N, C-alpha and C. Protein backbone atom coordinates (compact mmCIF):
# COMPACT_ATOMS: atom_id res chain seq x y z
N MET A 1 0.19 -1.13 0.15
CA MET A 1 0.21 0.09 0.05
C MET A 1 0.54 1.12 -0.10
N PRO A 2 0.82 1.58 -1.18
CA PRO A 2 1.29 3.18 -1.50
C PRO A 2 1.47 4.04 0.06
N GLY A 3 2.93 4.57 0.63
CA GLY A 3 2.66 5.49 1.91
C GLY A 3 2.65 4.72 2.92
N VAL A 4 2.84 3.26 3.46
CA VAL A 4 2.43 2.10 4.77
C VAL A 4 3.97 2.15 4.50
N PRO A 5 4.79 1.99 5.30
CA PRO A 5 6.53 1.86 5.49
C PRO A 5 6.01 0.24 5.85
N LEU A 6 7.49 -0.86 5.46
CA LEU A 6 7.07 -1.46 5.20
C LEU A 6 7.41 -2.03 6.80
N VAL A 7 6.90 -3.01 7.71
CA VAL A 7 6.64 -2.78 9.07
C VAL A 7 7.44 -4.54 8.98
N PRO A 8 9.11 -4.87 9.37
CA PRO A 8 9.43 -6.08 9.94
C PRO A 8 8.66 -7.12 10.38
N ARG A 9 8.29 -8.14 10.14
CA ARG A 9 7.72 -9.17 10.64
C ARG A 9 8.26 -9.81 11.77
N LEU A 10 7.17 -10.03 12.84
CA LEU A 10 7.94 -10.55 13.75
C LEU A 10 8.33 -11.91 14.15
N LEU A 11 9.29 -12.76 14.60
CA LEU A 11 8.92 -14.24 14.56
C LEU A 11 9.57 -14.62 16.17
N GLY A 12 8.68 -15.31 16.58
CA GLY A 12 8.61 -16.46 17.86
C GLY A 12 7.48 -15.68 18.50
N SER A 13 7.49 -16.19 19.95
CA SER A 13 5.53 -15.81 20.27
C SER A 13 5.77 -15.68 21.83
N PHE A 14 4.67 -15.72 22.29
CA PHE A 14 4.90 -14.78 23.14
C PHE A 14 6.04 -15.97 24.55
N ARG A 15 5.98 -15.29 25.34
CA ARG A 15 7.23 -16.58 26.49
C ARG A 15 5.84 -17.80 27.00
N GLY A 16 5.07 -18.68 26.34
CA GLY A 16 3.68 -19.58 27.03
C GLY A 16 3.12 -18.72 27.79
N TYR A 17 3.00 -17.62 26.70
CA TYR A 17 1.30 -16.72 26.87
C TYR A 17 0.53 -16.95 25.56
N HIS A 18 0.51 -17.53 25.43
CA HIS A 18 -1.14 -17.60 24.44
C HIS A 18 -0.32 -17.48 23.16
N GLU A 19 -1.26 -17.79 21.81
CA GLU A 19 -0.95 -17.35 20.47
C GLU A 19 -0.81 -16.02 20.59
N PRO A 20 0.89 -16.00 19.80
CA PRO A 20 1.62 -13.86 19.60
C PRO A 20 0.44 -13.46 18.57
N THR A 21 -0.70 -14.19 17.18
CA THR A 21 -1.73 -13.97 16.85
C THR A 21 -2.64 -14.15 16.72
N ARG A 22 -3.76 -13.59 17.07
CA ARG A 22 -5.20 -14.40 16.99
C ARG A 22 -6.13 -13.37 16.83
N GLY A 23 -6.79 -12.97 15.64
CA GLY A 23 -7.82 -12.15 15.51
C GLY A 23 -7.49 -10.41 16.01
N LEU A 24 -7.02 -10.11 16.33
CA LEU A 24 -6.39 -9.10 16.81
C LEU A 24 -5.67 -7.48 15.90
N GLU A 25 -6.54 -6.63 15.40
CA GLU A 25 -5.39 -5.77 14.64
C GLU A 25 -5.40 -4.22 15.42
N VAL A 26 -3.93 -3.46 15.96
CA VAL A 26 -3.73 -2.88 16.25
C VAL A 26 -3.36 -1.89 15.33
N PHE A 27 -3.44 -0.89 15.06
CA PHE A 27 -3.61 0.65 14.00
C PHE A 27 -2.13 1.86 15.57
N TYR A 28 -1.52 1.83 14.65
CA TYR A 28 -1.19 3.52 15.13
C TYR A 28 -0.83 4.09 13.75
N PRO A 29 -0.83 5.62 13.98
CA PRO A 29 -0.87 6.36 12.88
C PRO A 29 0.74 5.86 12.06
N GLU A 30 0.75 6.49 10.73
CA GLU A 30 1.66 6.53 9.48
C GLU A 30 2.29 4.45 9.71
N LEU A 31 2.30 4.09 10.67
CA LEU A 31 2.55 2.65 10.77
C LEU A 31 1.34 1.61 10.19
N GLY A 32 0.33 1.69 10.56
CA GLY A 32 -0.94 1.05 10.54
C GLY A 32 -0.97 -0.42 10.76
N ASN A 33 -0.88 -1.41 10.64
CA ASN A 33 -1.29 -2.40 11.84
C ASN A 33 -0.51 -3.29 12.07
N ILE A 34 0.42 -3.09 13.00
CA ILE A 34 1.14 -3.08 13.45
C ILE A 34 1.72 -4.33 14.65
N GLY A 35 0.24 -5.32 14.27
CA GLY A 35 -0.09 -6.26 15.19
C GLY A 35 1.46 -7.50 14.45
N CYS A 36 2.34 -8.23 15.75
CA CYS A 36 3.60 -9.49 15.74
C CYS A 36 4.20 -8.68 14.30
N MET A 37 4.42 -7.39 14.75
CA MET A 37 5.30 -6.74 14.00
C MET A 37 6.63 -5.59 14.81
N PHE A 38 7.86 -5.13 14.76
CA PHE A 38 9.07 -4.62 15.26
C PHE A 38 8.67 -3.03 14.53
N VAL A 39 8.65 -2.19 15.11
CA VAL A 39 8.39 -1.17 14.95
C VAL A 39 9.58 -0.22 14.12
N PRO A 40 9.40 0.02 13.16
CA PRO A 40 11.15 0.69 12.67
C PRO A 40 11.26 1.49 12.97
N ASP A 41 12.72 1.03 12.47
CA ASP A 41 14.16 1.63 13.01
C ASP A 41 13.99 3.12 11.99
N CYS A 42 13.31 3.94 11.05
CA CYS A 42 12.75 4.48 10.23
C CYS A 42 12.03 5.27 10.99
N ASN A 43 12.89 6.72 10.45
CA ASN A 43 11.37 7.65 10.13
C ASN A 43 11.45 8.47 11.91
N ASN A 44 12.46 7.70 12.56
CA ASN A 44 12.18 7.94 13.87
C ASN A 44 10.42 7.05 14.47
N TYR A 45 10.23 6.47 14.19
CA TYR A 45 8.89 5.65 14.79
C TYR A 45 8.72 5.64 16.27
N ARG A 46 10.41 4.69 16.39
CA ARG A 46 10.82 3.97 18.27
C ARG A 46 10.15 5.73 18.93
N GLN A 47 10.61 7.05 18.65
CA GLN A 47 10.45 7.73 19.15
C GLN A 47 9.06 8.72 19.06
N LYS A 48 8.42 8.28 18.32
CA LYS A 48 6.63 9.73 17.76
C LYS A 48 5.60 7.70 19.03
N ILE A 49 6.02 6.64 18.71
CA ILE A 49 4.86 6.27 19.54
C ILE A 49 5.58 5.99 20.86
N THR A 50 6.72 6.83 21.36
CA THR A 50 6.34 7.35 23.07
C THR A 50 5.33 7.99 23.11
N HIS A 51 4.77 8.91 22.05
CA HIS A 51 4.31 10.64 22.09
C HIS A 51 2.66 10.06 21.65
N TRP A 52 2.42 9.15 21.37
CA TRP A 52 0.99 9.07 20.11
C TRP A 52 -0.25 8.68 20.92
N ASP A 53 -0.75 9.17 20.63
CA ASP A 53 -2.32 8.67 21.27
C ASP A 53 -1.91 6.80 21.36
N GLU A 54 -3.81 6.66 22.29
CA GLU A 54 -3.48 5.20 22.23
C GLU A 54 -3.79 4.72 20.90
N PRO A 55 -3.76 3.39 20.39
CA PRO A 55 -3.56 3.12 19.23
C PRO A 55 -5.65 2.22 19.08
N ILE A 56 -5.56 2.34 17.48
CA ILE A 56 -6.99 1.35 16.87
C ILE A 56 -7.22 0.53 17.53
N VAL A 57 -7.95 -0.40 18.44
CA VAL A 57 -7.29 -2.09 18.50
C VAL A 57 -9.63 -2.04 17.82
N LYS A 58 -8.78 -3.49 16.80
CA LYS A 58 -10.07 -4.08 16.10
C LYS A 58 -10.28 -5.79 16.54
N PHE A 59 -10.97 -5.74 16.70
CA PHE A 59 -11.49 -7.30 16.94
C PHE A 59 -12.76 -7.24 16.18
N PRO A 60 -12.12 -7.80 14.97
CA PRO A 60 -13.66 -7.81 14.00
C PRO A 60 -14.78 -9.47 14.12
N GLY A 61 -14.02 -9.96 14.75
CA GLY A 61 -14.27 -11.05 14.79
C GLY A 61 -15.73 -10.87 16.22
N ALA A 62 -15.58 -9.99 16.97
CA ALA A 62 -16.34 -9.46 18.24
C ALA A 62 -17.69 -10.11 17.87
N LEU A 63 -18.35 -10.61 18.56
CA LEU A 63 -19.79 -10.51 19.02
C LEU A 63 -20.72 -9.53 19.19
N GLU A 64 -21.57 -9.11 18.14
CA GLU A 64 -22.23 -7.56 18.98
C GLU A 64 -22.67 -7.47 20.04
N GLY A 65 -23.34 -8.41 20.27
CA GLY A 65 -24.52 -8.50 21.84
C GLY A 65 -23.09 -9.03 23.60
N ALA A 66 -22.50 -8.97 22.62
CA ALA A 66 -20.54 -9.07 24.07
C ALA A 66 -20.75 -7.89 24.63
N THR A 67 -19.81 -8.34 25.80
CA THR A 67 -18.90 -7.01 26.23
C THR A 67 -17.89 -7.37 26.52
N TYR A 68 -16.74 -7.16 26.36
CA TYR A 68 -15.29 -6.96 26.63
C TYR A 68 -14.29 -6.11 26.99
N ILE A 69 -13.33 -7.02 27.32
CA ILE A 69 -12.07 -6.08 28.07
C ILE A 69 -10.72 -6.29 27.43
N LEU A 70 -10.22 -5.41 27.45
CA LEU A 70 -9.33 -4.92 26.81
C LEU A 70 -7.91 -4.89 28.00
N VAL A 71 -6.50 -5.95 26.62
CA VAL A 71 -5.81 -5.19 28.45
C VAL A 71 -4.37 -5.73 27.55
N MET A 72 -3.21 -4.48 28.01
CA MET A 72 -2.06 -4.51 26.71
C MET A 72 -0.85 -4.47 28.05
N VAL A 73 -0.28 -5.10 28.14
CA VAL A 73 0.69 -5.13 29.38
C VAL A 73 2.26 -5.26 28.43
N ASP A 74 2.90 -4.73 29.30
CA ASP A 74 4.42 -5.46 28.75
C ASP A 74 5.25 -6.50 29.59
N PRO A 75 5.52 -7.16 28.92
CA PRO A 75 6.06 -8.79 30.05
C PRO A 75 7.36 -8.55 30.66
N ASP A 76 7.57 -7.57 29.36
CA ASP A 76 9.76 -7.66 29.41
C ASP A 76 10.12 -6.74 30.48
N ALA A 77 8.92 -5.31 31.46
CA ALA A 77 9.85 -4.68 32.32
C ALA A 77 10.77 -5.17 33.46
N PRO A 78 11.48 -4.59 33.80
CA PRO A 78 12.60 -3.36 32.97
C PRO A 78 13.23 -3.54 31.80
N SER A 79 13.57 -4.25 31.75
CA SER A 79 14.03 -5.92 30.51
C SER A 79 13.99 -7.22 30.30
N ARG A 80 13.70 -8.07 29.21
CA ARG A 80 13.22 -8.87 28.93
C ARG A 80 14.76 -9.84 29.76
N SER A 81 15.21 -9.65 29.66
CA SER A 81 16.97 -10.22 30.22
C SER A 81 16.48 -10.57 32.26
N SER A 82 15.49 -9.53 32.34
CA SER A 82 15.81 -9.43 34.16
C SER A 82 14.40 -8.56 34.20
N PRO A 83 12.82 -9.72 33.77
CA PRO A 83 11.28 -8.53 34.03
C PRO A 83 10.81 -8.72 35.45
N LYS A 84 11.31 -8.44 36.16
CA LYS A 84 11.08 -8.03 37.73
C LYS A 84 9.86 -7.35 37.79
N ALA A 85 9.61 -6.32 36.94
CA ALA A 85 8.11 -5.32 37.28
C ALA A 85 7.25 -6.44 35.84
N GLN A 86 7.38 -7.55 35.69
CA GLN A 86 6.17 -7.99 34.70
C GLN A 86 5.34 -7.87 35.25
N PHE A 87 4.35 -8.01 35.30
CA PHE A 87 3.77 -7.49 33.54
C PHE A 87 3.31 -6.03 33.79
N TRP A 88 3.39 -5.49 33.26
CA TRP A 88 3.51 -3.52 33.23
C TRP A 88 2.50 -3.40 32.67
N ARG A 89 1.65 -2.84 33.51
CA ARG A 89 0.21 -2.56 32.60
C ARG A 89 -0.01 -0.90 32.31
N HIS A 90 -0.36 -1.15 30.85
CA HIS A 90 -0.56 0.19 30.03
C HIS A 90 -1.51 0.45 29.75
N TRP A 91 -2.21 -0.86 29.70
CA TRP A 91 -4.03 0.37 29.29
C TRP A 91 -5.07 -1.12 29.82
N LEU A 92 -6.09 -0.60 30.37
CA LEU A 92 -6.75 -1.67 31.10
C LEU A 92 -8.21 -1.36 30.86
N VAL A 93 -9.68 -1.67 29.62
CA VAL A 93 -10.57 -1.47 29.27
C VAL A 93 -11.93 -2.26 29.59
N THR A 94 -12.68 -1.52 30.35
CA THR A 94 -13.66 -2.45 30.74
C THR A 94 -14.96 -2.67 29.83
N ASP A 95 -16.28 -2.99 29.65
CA ASP A 95 -17.13 -3.09 29.35
C ASP A 95 -17.03 -2.64 27.67
N ILE A 96 -16.09 -3.20 27.53
CA ILE A 96 -16.52 -2.15 25.53
C ILE A 96 -17.31 -3.56 24.79
N LYS A 97 -17.94 -2.76 24.59
CA LYS A 97 -19.45 -3.06 23.56
C LYS A 97 -19.04 -4.08 22.47
N GLY A 98 -19.10 -5.06 22.00
CA GLY A 98 -18.74 -5.74 21.06
C GLY A 98 -18.94 -5.13 19.69
N VAL A 99 -20.05 -4.21 19.18
CA VAL A 99 -20.70 -3.03 18.15
C VAL A 99 -19.18 -2.94 17.86
N ASP A 100 -19.02 -1.93 19.28
CA ASP A 100 -17.52 -1.22 19.53
C ASP A 100 -16.18 -2.40 18.56
N MET A 101 -15.81 -3.41 19.54
CA MET A 101 -14.64 -3.50 19.63
C MET A 101 -14.96 -3.78 18.05
N LYS A 102 -15.58 -4.17 17.07
CA LYS A 102 -15.47 -4.82 15.43
C LYS A 102 -15.29 -3.97 14.85
N LYS A 103 -15.50 -2.51 15.40
CA LYS A 103 -14.96 -1.42 14.34
C LYS A 103 -13.66 -0.08 15.02
N GLY A 104 -13.47 -1.31 16.32
CA GLY A 104 -12.03 -0.57 16.49
C GLY A 104 -12.51 1.18 17.70
N LYS A 105 -13.52 1.34 18.39
CA LYS A 105 -13.78 1.80 19.17
C LYS A 105 -14.17 1.70 20.56
N ILE A 106 -12.56 2.13 21.27
CA ILE A 106 -12.86 1.28 22.81
C ILE A 106 -13.54 2.51 23.31
N ARG A 107 -14.39 2.26 23.69
CA ARG A 107 -15.40 3.14 24.83
C ARG A 107 -15.98 1.53 25.56
N GLY A 108 -15.96 2.54 27.13
CA GLY A 108 -15.24 1.30 28.51
C GLY A 108 -15.75 2.04 29.62
N GLN A 109 -15.43 1.06 30.42
CA GLN A 109 -14.63 1.74 31.37
C GLN A 109 -13.10 2.09 31.70
N GLU A 110 -12.52 2.40 31.74
CA GLU A 110 -11.20 3.25 31.35
C GLU A 110 -10.25 2.69 32.76
N LEU A 111 -9.94 1.37 33.26
CA LEU A 111 -9.56 0.99 34.64
C LEU A 111 -7.94 1.38 34.53
N SER A 112 -7.22 1.23 33.73
CA SER A 112 -5.69 2.16 33.59
C SER A 112 -5.66 3.05 32.11
N ALA A 113 -5.82 4.18 32.00
CA ALA A 113 -5.10 4.65 30.99
C ALA A 113 -4.27 4.39 30.07
N TYR A 114 -4.38 4.69 28.68
CA TYR A 114 -3.50 4.67 28.26
C TYR A 114 -2.06 4.78 28.36
N GLN A 115 -1.06 3.95 28.17
CA GLN A 115 -0.36 4.54 28.62
C GLN A 115 1.13 4.53 27.52
N PRO A 116 1.61 4.90 26.72
CA PRO A 116 2.00 4.23 25.34
C PRO A 116 3.62 3.83 25.56
N PRO A 117 3.88 2.74 24.89
CA PRO A 117 5.58 2.07 25.67
C PRO A 117 6.62 2.74 24.97
N SER A 118 7.01 3.62 26.45
CA SER A 118 8.69 3.77 26.59
C SER A 118 9.77 2.95 27.61
N PRO A 119 9.98 2.11 25.97
CA PRO A 119 11.04 0.81 26.78
C PRO A 119 12.20 1.91 27.36
N PRO A 120 12.29 1.68 28.93
CA PRO A 120 14.12 2.20 29.14
C PRO A 120 15.52 2.14 28.21
N ALA A 121 16.18 3.03 28.10
CA ALA A 121 17.22 2.94 27.38
C ALA A 121 18.48 1.86 27.82
N GLN A 122 18.94 0.89 26.75
CA GLN A 122 19.55 0.19 27.14
C GLN A 122 19.09 -1.16 27.61
N SER A 123 17.31 -1.37 27.48
CA SER A 123 16.90 -2.30 27.91
C SER A 123 16.65 -3.43 27.07
N GLY A 124 17.16 -3.32 25.66
CA GLY A 124 16.46 -4.14 24.51
C GLY A 124 14.87 -3.96 24.00
N PHE A 125 14.95 -5.01 23.34
CA PHE A 125 13.43 -4.98 22.65
C PHE A 125 12.74 -5.43 23.90
N HIS A 126 10.82 -4.61 23.56
CA HIS A 126 10.08 -4.85 24.28
C HIS A 126 9.08 -5.21 24.12
N ARG A 127 8.44 -6.57 24.63
CA ARG A 127 6.71 -6.79 23.73
C ARG A 127 5.52 -6.33 24.09
N TYR A 128 5.15 -5.75 23.37
CA TYR A 128 3.17 -4.89 23.96
C TYR A 128 2.79 -5.84 23.29
N GLN A 129 2.11 -6.85 24.80
CA GLN A 129 0.89 -7.15 23.90
C GLN A 129 -0.48 -6.97 24.62
N PHE A 130 -1.28 -7.70 23.73
CA PHE A 130 -2.84 -7.01 23.64
C PHE A 130 -3.75 -7.94 23.80
N PHE A 131 -4.38 -8.76 24.46
CA PHE A 131 -5.44 -9.70 24.95
C PHE A 131 -7.11 -8.88 24.99
N VAL A 132 -8.23 -9.94 24.79
CA VAL A 132 -8.32 -9.22 24.45
C VAL A 132 -10.41 -10.20 25.34
N TYR A 133 -10.66 -10.13 26.44
CA TYR A 133 -11.47 -11.47 26.74
C TYR A 133 -13.12 -11.15 26.86
N LEU A 134 -13.23 -12.19 26.87
CA LEU A 134 -14.74 -12.07 26.50
C LEU A 134 -15.51 -11.62 28.53
N GLN A 135 -15.89 -10.69 28.63
CA GLN A 135 -16.63 -9.72 30.15
C GLN A 135 -17.26 -10.61 30.55
N GLU A 136 -18.42 -11.07 29.69
CA GLU A 136 -20.28 -11.86 30.42
C GLU A 136 -20.59 -11.61 31.99
N GLY A 137 -20.94 -10.21 31.97
CA GLY A 137 -21.76 -9.59 32.71
C GLY A 137 -21.35 -9.19 33.93
N GLN A 138 -19.72 -9.67 34.23
CA GLN A 138 -19.33 -9.66 35.18
C GLN A 138 -18.97 -7.87 36.06
N ASN A 139 -18.37 -7.06 36.72
CA ASN A 139 -18.14 -6.24 37.07
C ASN A 139 -16.43 -6.39 37.77
N ILE A 140 -15.56 -5.81 36.54
CA ILE A 140 -14.65 -5.59 36.71
C ILE A 140 -13.98 -4.59 37.17
N SER A 141 -12.29 -5.22 38.26
CA SER A 141 -12.27 -3.81 39.12
C SER A 141 -11.18 -3.86 39.18
N LEU A 142 -9.87 -3.58 40.08
CA LEU A 142 -8.82 -3.35 40.48
C LEU A 142 -9.04 -3.00 42.29
N HIS A 143 -7.88 -4.25 42.31
CA HIS A 143 -7.77 -4.00 44.06
C HIS A 143 -6.39 -2.30 43.94
N SER A 144 -7.21 -1.67 45.41
CA SER A 144 -6.38 -0.52 45.81
C SER A 144 -5.07 -0.62 45.76
N LYS A 145 -4.34 -1.87 46.04
CA LYS A 145 -2.64 -1.95 45.98
C LYS A 145 -2.28 -2.30 44.29
N GLU A 146 -3.00 -2.93 43.18
CA GLU A 146 -3.45 -2.89 42.16
C GLU A 146 -3.15 -1.19 41.69
N ASN A 147 -4.04 -1.30 41.98
CA ASN A 147 -4.23 0.90 41.42
C ASN A 147 -2.57 1.58 42.20
N LYS A 148 -2.19 1.30 42.98
CA LYS A 148 -1.10 2.28 43.50
C LYS A 148 0.43 1.88 42.49
N THR A 149 -0.01 0.89 41.72
CA THR A 149 1.26 0.64 41.03
C THR A 149 0.80 0.00 39.57
N ARG A 150 1.96 0.47 38.46
CA ARG A 150 1.69 -0.17 36.84
C ARG A 150 2.07 -1.83 36.98
N GLY A 151 3.49 -1.53 37.15
CA GLY A 151 4.63 -2.39 37.20
C GLY A 151 3.89 -3.43 38.36
N ASN A 152 4.48 -4.83 38.28
CA ASN A 152 4.97 -5.59 39.34
C ASN A 152 3.22 -6.61 39.46
N TRP A 153 2.31 -6.00 38.17
CA TRP A 153 1.07 -6.30 38.64
C TRP A 153 0.69 -7.96 38.24
N LYS A 154 -0.05 -8.27 38.91
CA LYS A 154 0.33 -10.42 38.33
C LYS A 154 -0.99 -10.38 37.89
N MET A 155 -0.97 -10.28 36.75
CA MET A 155 -1.83 -10.25 35.65
C MET A 155 -2.66 -12.44 35.64
N ASP A 156 -1.91 -13.08 36.12
CA ASP A 156 -2.87 -13.79 36.15
C ASP A 156 -3.55 -14.35 37.18
N LYS A 157 -3.11 -13.18 38.16
CA LYS A 157 -4.25 -13.54 39.42
C LYS A 157 -5.28 -12.43 39.17
N PHE A 158 -5.44 -11.80 38.50
CA PHE A 158 -6.45 -10.74 37.91
C PHE A 158 -7.09 -11.52 36.88
N LEU A 159 -6.40 -12.13 36.69
CA LEU A 159 -7.27 -13.53 34.93
C LEU A 159 -8.04 -14.26 35.97
N ASN A 160 -7.87 -14.91 36.97
CA ASN A 160 -8.09 -16.05 37.67
C ASN A 160 -9.24 -15.80 38.54
N ARG A 161 -9.27 -14.02 39.16
CA ARG A 161 -9.94 -13.37 39.52
C ARG A 161 -11.60 -13.64 39.32
N PHE A 162 -12.00 -13.37 38.11
CA PHE A 162 -12.26 -12.81 37.06
C PHE A 162 -12.57 -14.11 36.71
N HIS A 163 -12.12 -15.67 36.46
CA HIS A 163 -12.40 -16.72 35.90
C HIS A 163 -12.02 -16.19 34.31
N LEU A 164 -11.01 -15.34 34.05
CA LEU A 164 -10.92 -15.46 32.53
C LEU A 164 -9.76 -15.79 32.16
N SER A 165 -9.96 -17.00 31.55
CA SER A 165 -8.62 -18.36 30.60
C SER A 165 -8.66 -17.67 29.55
N GLU A 166 -8.57 -17.88 28.63
CA GLU A 166 -8.09 -18.22 27.62
C GLU A 166 -9.07 -16.74 26.48
N PRO A 167 -7.83 -16.16 25.95
CA PRO A 167 -8.30 -14.47 25.19
C PRO A 167 -9.26 -15.22 24.31
N GLU A 168 -9.73 -14.08 23.92
CA GLU A 168 -10.96 -14.27 22.42
C GLU A 168 -9.81 -14.15 21.41
N ALA A 169 -9.48 -12.69 21.65
CA ALA A 169 -7.82 -12.18 21.06
C ALA A 169 -6.66 -11.68 20.93
N SER A 170 -5.61 -11.73 20.58
CA SER A 170 -4.92 -11.62 21.41
C SER A 170 -3.25 -10.86 19.88
N THR A 171 -2.73 -10.74 20.21
CA THR A 171 -1.74 -10.18 19.22
C THR A 171 -0.81 -9.04 20.12
N GLN A 172 1.07 -8.58 19.72
CA GLN A 172 1.93 -8.05 19.99
C GLN A 172 2.56 -7.37 19.08
N PHE A 173 3.76 -6.74 19.43
CA PHE A 173 3.99 -6.08 18.52
C PHE A 173 5.95 -5.57 19.42
N MET A 174 6.28 -4.95 19.01
CA MET A 174 8.27 -5.00 19.44
C MET A 174 8.38 -3.75 19.07
N THR A 175 9.13 -3.14 20.46
CA THR A 175 10.14 -2.14 19.91
C THR A 175 10.76 -1.37 21.11
N GLU A 176 11.98 -1.01 20.61
CA GLU A 176 12.91 -0.39 21.74
C GLU A 176 13.07 0.65 22.04
N ASN A 177 14.05 1.43 23.15
CA ASN A 177 14.49 2.93 23.68
C ASN A 177 15.17 3.36 22.04
N TYR A 178 14.37 4.88 21.64
CA TYR A 178 14.76 4.95 20.79
C TYR A 178 16.61 5.20 20.19
N GLN A 179 17.10 5.29 21.41
CA GLN A 179 18.74 5.79 21.66
C GLN A 179 19.32 4.48 21.29
N ASP A 180 18.86 4.29 21.57
CA ASP A 180 19.64 1.80 20.93
C ASP A 180 19.19 1.74 19.37
N SER A 181 18.92 2.84 18.96
CA SER A 181 18.73 2.13 17.36
C SER A 181 19.73 2.93 16.77
N PRO A 182 20.58 1.66 15.78
CA PRO A 182 21.61 2.16 15.27
C PRO A 182 21.93 3.05 14.62
N ASN A 183 20.60 3.60 14.05
CA ASN A 183 21.17 4.95 13.28
C ASN A 183 20.56 6.54 14.20
N TYR A 184 20.35 6.37 14.96
CA TYR A 184 20.10 7.54 16.24
C TYR A 184 21.35 8.41 16.22
N GLN A 185 21.50 9.37 16.25
CA GLN A 185 21.86 10.63 16.19
C GLN A 185 21.81 11.92 17.40
N PRO A 186 22.31 11.32 18.43
CA PRO A 186 22.61 12.68 19.49
C PRO A 186 22.50 13.92 19.06
N PRO A 187 21.47 15.14 19.32
CA PRO A 187 21.68 16.19 19.19
C PRO A 187 22.57 16.66 18.94
N ALA A 188 22.67 18.16 18.55
CA ALA A 188 24.41 18.54 18.61
C ALA A 188 24.83 19.20 19.80
N GLY A 189 25.75 18.88 20.20
CA GLY A 189 26.38 19.42 21.57
C GLY A 189 26.54 18.24 22.69
N GLY A 190 25.86 16.78 21.89
CA GLY A 190 26.99 15.53 21.67
C GLY A 190 25.35 15.14 23.91
N SER A 191 25.18 15.68 23.85
CA SER A 191 24.26 15.21 25.05
C SER A 191 23.01 14.15 24.16
N SER A 192 23.30 12.43 24.57
CA SER A 192 22.29 11.54 24.07
C SER A 192 21.15 11.42 24.93
N GLU A 193 20.78 12.84 25.72
CA GLU A 193 19.71 12.89 26.94
C GLU A 193 18.11 13.40 26.00
N PRO A 194 17.29 12.73 26.46
CA PRO A 194 16.41 13.57 25.42
C PRO A 194 15.23 13.97 25.88
N THR A 195 15.14 15.26 25.65
CA THR A 195 14.64 16.42 26.67
C THR A 195 12.98 15.90 27.15
N ASP A 196 12.36 14.56 27.10
CA ASP A 196 11.64 14.54 27.88
C ASP A 196 11.89 13.13 27.66
N LYS A 197 12.61 12.85 29.22
CA LYS A 197 13.02 11.16 29.16
C LYS A 197 11.03 10.46 29.20
N PRO A 198 11.38 8.91 28.58
CA PRO A 198 10.10 8.32 28.11
C PRO A 198 9.89 7.45 29.65
N LYS A 199 8.77 7.08 30.18
CA LYS A 199 8.37 6.21 31.20
C LYS A 199 8.95 5.22 31.51
N GLN A 200 9.44 4.70 32.46
CA GLN A 200 10.14 2.92 32.26
C GLN A 200 9.10 2.33 32.34
N SER A 201 8.77 1.55 31.07
CA SER A 201 8.14 0.55 30.74
C SER A 201 8.48 0.32 29.68
């Protein structure tokens, strides 16, 4: 498609955590659907994605009369080699109507507002994983302890608490801190520090 950059496909799978891509589409500006791909190094995309608003998330297979939960997490916080803060909760929305889920309109109860992917410098590539679960009429909430921090989220306990097993759809993409990209050029003056440091996740 003209004007859409080539995004390298992501090889491998979730670390024993469901299928890497199943029926979910995630669209960011300029990049299009980046499900199961790497954010490319060109055109400063790895920095841009740390500032963009929430992506359009579509589940074409959603049932119009059903209600869904959307979860976005980073299992590689603060780094993939030492993921002591997994799962970092980037986005959690409940009560999404199936008719909206089909169209990519994520409207519902936002339990954790969207936080852009901002992997720390020198932490390697991070996976950003999206899951959609069937809500089945339950009232979903976070404990006060869970609300205090996004990191170290016991996602498995959350899922078990509400009897959420396999996701209806899922996907992921990968990116790293833009300063770690081979083509990164520090600003004039030699400083490699960005004017606004990305949050650790």
